[in-house]
Amino acid sequence: MDIIKRTNKIIEALGQEYPAAKCSLEYSKPYELLIATRLSAQCTDARVNIVTKILFERYPTLQSLAEAKTDELEEIVKPCGFYRTKTQDIIRICQDLIARFGSRVPDNMDDLLSLSGVGRKTANLILGDIYHKPAIVCDTHCIRITNLLGLTTTKDAYKCEVELKKLLPPEKSNDFCHRMVLHGRAVCKARAPHCVVCCLNNLCDYGTLKKAEGNNEKNATV
């Protein structure tokens, strides 16, 4: 089976396994997703959701965040780790959104990347989830699992994005990446992937290898 056909079968299987493909970060406004994603670096989405509930109640508008006192914001953000850098980025992002973009989150990669602390992962998430544009969010789950599947050959996020862009239908790329996260958390875990129960084990280079090893072990004990 060629790689395009296999990719399409993987997309189909993931869609059946995880029909509700969406970001696990909670937000009600575009800038809130931008801030939540910045906080999620080296932090779990579950913890970020706890913090942002407090954060957005204390600072309910973009303007209030832009004018926030650093020490007060740091106390709220602290549980997410790297709180000093994240606090500085949040304030600068909000100030830039007001001063440069008319209080609107940009809808293109270049402008998003010009914001403090925003990289391609965050920018792609905004483009896909807020503006419904084709986007490929290469987080650790996506990189690791697509490597195991044999769809990508690199652990570099940008190179992985480029490789996936050649395989994924644009209109399905965003949901694919969300499903990679769900699959990584539920089944294809970094330390102990559950290949036996994986919906992709017949389409996965690593899963096929593990099944073959298991069969060899069974034959050896007969």
Protein backbone atom coordinates (compact mmCIF):
# COMPACT_ATOMS: atom_id res chain seq x y z
CA MET A 1 0.00 0.00 0.00
CA ASP A 2 1.45 3.38 -0.95
CA ILE A 3 1.87 6.04 1.72
CA ILE A 4 -0.97 8.28 0.52
CA LYS A 5 -3.49 5.42 0.65
CA ARG A 6 -2.17 4.38 4.05
CA THR A 7 -2.42 7.96 5.31
CA ASN A 8 -6.05 8.14 4.18
CA LYS A 9 -6.83 4.87 5.96
CA ILE A 10 -5.16 6.22 9.11
CA ILE A 11 -7.26 9.39 8.89
CA GLU A 12 -10.41 7.29 8.48
CA ALA A 13 -9.58 5.01 11.42
CA LEU A 14 -8.79 7.95 13.70
CA GLY A 15 -12.04 9.64 12.70
CA GLN A 16 -14.01 6.56 13.73
CA GLU A 17 -12.09 6.20 16.99
CA TYR A 18 -12.21 9.89 17.96
CA PRO A 19 -15.20 11.52 16.24
CA ALA A 20 -15.03 14.63 18.43
CA ALA A 21 -11.76 16.19 17.36
CA LYS A 22 -11.15 19.44 19.19
CA CYS A 23 -8.57 21.24 21.27
CA SER A 24 -8.72 20.38 24.97
CA LEU A 25 -7.81 23.93 26.00
CA GLU A 26 -10.88 25.85 27.17
CA TYR A 27 -11.59 29.33 25.82
CA SER A 28 -14.44 31.59 24.74
CA LYS A 29 -12.56 34.25 22.77
CA PRO A 30 -9.78 33.93 20.16
CA TYR A 31 -7.21 35.76 22.29
CA GLU A 32 -7.97 33.41 25.18
CA LEU A 33 -6.88 30.42 23.07
CA LEU A 34 -3.72 32.30 22.13
CA ILE A 35 -2.90 32.91 25.80
CA ALA A 36 -3.88 29.40 26.88
CA THR A 37 -1.61 27.90 24.23
CA ARG A 38 1.29 30.05 25.41
CA LEU A 39 0.70 28.81 28.95
CA SER A 40 0.56 25.18 27.77
CA ALA A 41 4.28 25.06 26.93
CA GLN A 42 5.81 22.45 29.27
CA CYS A 43 2.47 22.19 31.07
CA THR A 44 -0.59 19.96 30.81
CA ASP A 45 -3.78 21.25 29.23
CA ALA A 46 -5.69 20.20 32.35
CA ARG A 47 -3.58 22.46 34.55
CA VAL A 48 -3.78 25.31 32.04
CA ASN A 49 -7.58 25.09 32.10
CA ILE A 50 -7.57 25.47 35.88
CA VAL A 51 -5.30 28.51 35.64
CA THR A 52 -7.11 30.22 32.76
CA LYS A 53 -10.45 29.95 34.56
CA ILE A 54 -8.97 32.09 37.34
CA LEU A 55 -7.01 34.27 34.92
CA PHE A 56 -9.92 35.23 32.68
CA GLU A 57 -12.21 35.87 35.66
CA ARG A 58 -9.65 38.23 37.15
CA TYR A 59 -8.85 39.85 33.78
CA PRO A 60 -12.03 39.57 31.67
CA THR A 61 -10.90 41.76 28.75
CA LEU A 62 -7.91 42.10 26.47
CA GLN A 63 -7.34 45.61 27.80
CA SER A 64 -7.28 44.46 31.42
CA LEU A 65 -4.65 41.84 30.59
CA ALA A 66 -2.55 44.37 28.69
CA GLU A 67 -2.60 46.62 31.76
CA ALA A 68 -2.07 43.84 34.33
CA LYS A 69 0.55 44.27 37.02
CA THR A 70 3.37 41.82 36.45
CA ASP A 71 3.59 40.52 40.02
CA GLU A 72 -0.16 39.89 40.23
CA LEU A 73 -0.24 38.07 36.91
CA GLU A 74 2.80 35.98 37.85
CA GLU A 75 1.01 34.66 40.94
CA ILE A 76 -1.87 33.39 38.83
CA VAL A 77 0.33 31.94 36.07
CA LYS A 78 2.89 30.35 38.40
CA PRO A 79 1.35 26.82 38.42
CA CYS A 80 1.99 26.57 34.66
CA GLY A 81 5.77 26.85 35.10
CA PHE A 82 8.19 29.32 33.53
CA TYR A 83 5.79 31.90 34.89
CA ARG A 84 8.01 34.96 34.57
CA THR A 85 8.60 34.47 30.85
CA LYS A 86 4.99 33.49 30.23
CA THR A 87 3.72 36.52 32.13
CA GLN A 88 5.90 38.86 30.08
CA ASP A 89 4.73 37.22 26.86
CA ILE A 90 1.05 37.45 27.81
CA ILE A 91 1.25 41.15 28.57
CA ARG A 92 3.23 41.87 25.40
CA ILE A 93 0.86 39.79 23.27
CA CYS A 94 -2.17 41.66 24.58
CA GLN A 95 -0.49 45.03 24.13
CA ASP A 96 0.49 44.12 20.57
CA LEU A 97 -2.99 42.85 19.71
CA ILE A 98 -4.41 46.22 20.77
CA ALA A 99 -1.70 48.45 19.30
CA ARG A 100 -0.93 46.62 16.06
CA PHE A 101 -3.95 44.51 15.18
CA GLY A 102 -6.99 46.44 16.37
CA SER A 103 -7.56 44.03 19.28
CA ARG A 104 -7.96 41.16 16.82
CA VAL A 105 -5.93 37.95 16.74
CA PRO A 106 -4.07 37.81 13.39
CA ASP A 107 -5.24 35.33 10.77
CA ASN A 108 -1.89 34.69 9.08
CA MET A 109 1.32 32.93 10.03
CA ASP A 110 3.72 35.88 9.70
CA ASP A 111 1.74 38.20 11.97
CA LEU A 112 1.15 35.47 14.54
CA LEU A 113 4.86 34.64 14.65
CA SER A 114 5.62 38.32 15.29
CA LEU A 115 3.89 38.07 18.69
CA SER A 116 6.01 37.49 21.78
CA GLY A 117 6.50 33.80 22.57
CA VAL A 118 4.38 32.55 19.67
CA GLY A 119 5.87 29.76 17.55
CA ARG A 120 4.55 27.68 14.67
CA LYS A 121 2.70 25.25 16.95
CA THR A 122 0.65 28.04 18.51
CA ALA A 123 0.21 29.86 15.21
CA ASN A 124 -1.06 26.73 13.46
CA LEU A 125 -3.49 26.03 16.29
CA ILE A 126 -4.94 29.52 15.96
CA LEU A 127 -5.16 29.27 12.16
CA GLY A 128 -6.91 25.90 12.35
CA ASP A 129 -9.20 26.29 15.35
CA ILE A 130 -10.10 29.98 15.12
CA TYR A 131 -9.96 30.66 11.39
CA HIS A 132 -10.60 27.11 10.10
CA LYS A 133 -7.66 27.28 7.74
CA PRO A 134 -5.57 24.22 6.84
CA ALA A 135 -3.03 23.84 9.63
CA ILE A 136 -0.69 21.19 10.99
CA VAL A 137 0.08 21.40 14.70
CA CYS A 138 3.22 19.36 15.30
CA ASP A 139 3.34 18.84 19.03
CA THR A 140 5.19 16.01 20.76
CA HIS A 141 2.30 13.55 20.25
CA CYS A 142 2.02 14.28 16.54
CA ILE A 143 5.76 14.01 15.94
CA ARG A 144 6.20 10.81 17.95
CA ILE A 145 3.17 8.97 16.58
CA THR A 146 3.68 9.92 12.93
CA ASN A 147 7.27 8.72 13.30
CA LEU A 148 6.03 5.37 14.63
CA LEU A 149 3.43 5.15 11.88
CA GLY A 150 6.14 5.70 9.28
CA LEU A 151 4.51 8.86 7.93
CA THR A 152 7.37 11.12 8.99
CA THR A 153 11.09 10.65 9.43
CA THR A 154 12.14 13.51 11.69
CA LYS A 155 11.73 14.75 15.26
CA ASP A 156 12.11 18.36 14.15
CA ALA A 157 8.70 20.05 14.40
CA TYR A 158 9.01 22.20 11.28
CA LYS A 159 10.38 19.37 9.12
CA CYS A 160 7.62 17.11 10.41
CA GLU A 161 5.05 19.75 9.43
CA VAL A 162 6.52 19.92 5.92
CA GLU A 163 6.44 16.13 5.53
CA LEU A 164 2.84 15.88 6.75
CA LYS A 165 1.74 18.67 4.44
CA LYS A 166 2.63 16.39 1.52
CA LEU A 167 0.39 13.61 2.87
CA LEU A 168 -2.62 15.16 4.60
CA PRO A 169 -5.62 16.54 2.72
CA PRO A 170 -5.69 20.24 3.75
CA GLU A 171 -9.29 20.09 4.96
CA LYS A 172 -8.47 17.18 7.29
CA SER A 173 -5.09 18.27 8.63
CA ASN A 174 -6.33 20.16 11.69
CA ASP A 175 -8.59 17.36 12.93
CA PHE A 176 -5.81 14.84 12.25
CA CYS A 177 -3.48 16.67 14.62
CA HIS A 178 -6.12 16.91 17.36
CA ARG A 179 -6.70 13.18 17.01
CA MET A 180 -2.97 12.53 17.30
CA VAL A 181 -3.09 14.20 20.72
CA LEU A 182 -6.12 12.18 21.80
CA HIS A 183 -4.54 8.96 20.55
CA GLY A 184 -1.25 9.75 22.26
CA ARG A 185 -2.95 10.29 25.58
CA ALA A 186 -5.28 7.30 25.38
CA VAL A 187 -3.39 4.55 23.54
CA CYS A 188 -0.05 5.39 21.93
CA LYS A 189 1.67 6.52 25.10
CA ALA A 190 5.31 7.50 24.96
CA ARG A 191 6.61 5.04 27.55
CA ALA A 192 4.28 2.14 26.85
CA PRO A 193 2.21 2.24 23.66
CA HIS A 194 -0.75 -0.16 23.78
CA CYS A 195 -0.23 -1.61 20.31
CA VAL A 196 -2.51 -4.61 20.86
CA VAL A 197 -5.63 -2.44 21.26
CA CYS A 198 -4.56 0.30 18.83
CA CYS A 199 -6.95 1.06 15.97
CA LEU A 200 -3.91 1.74 13.77
CA ASN A 201 -1.83 -1.35 14.51
CA ASN A 202 -2.35 -2.80 11.01
CA LEU A 203 -1.33 0.51 9.42
CA CYS A 204 1.63 1.31 11.65
CA ASP A 205 5.27 0.40 11.00
CA TYR A 206 5.98 0.12 14.73
CA GLY A 207 2.72 -1.72 15.48
CA THR A 208 3.35 -4.24 12.71
CA LEU A 209 6.83 -4.88 14.10
CA LYS A 210 5.51 -5.37 17.65
CA LYS A 211 2.83 -7.79 16.42
CA ALA A 212 5.47 -9.78 14.53
CA GLU A 213 7.66 -9.92 17.64
CA GLY A 214 4.67 -11.12 19.67
CA ASN A 215 3.89 -13.87 17.17
CA ASN A 216 7.53 -14.99 17.17
CA GLU A 217 7.49 -15.22 20.96
CA LYS A 218 4.29 -17.30 20.86
CA ASN A 219 5.76 -19.65 18.24
CA ALA A 220 8.93 -20.03 20.28
CA THR A 221 6.95 -21.24 23.30
CA VAL A 222 4.91 -23.80 21.36
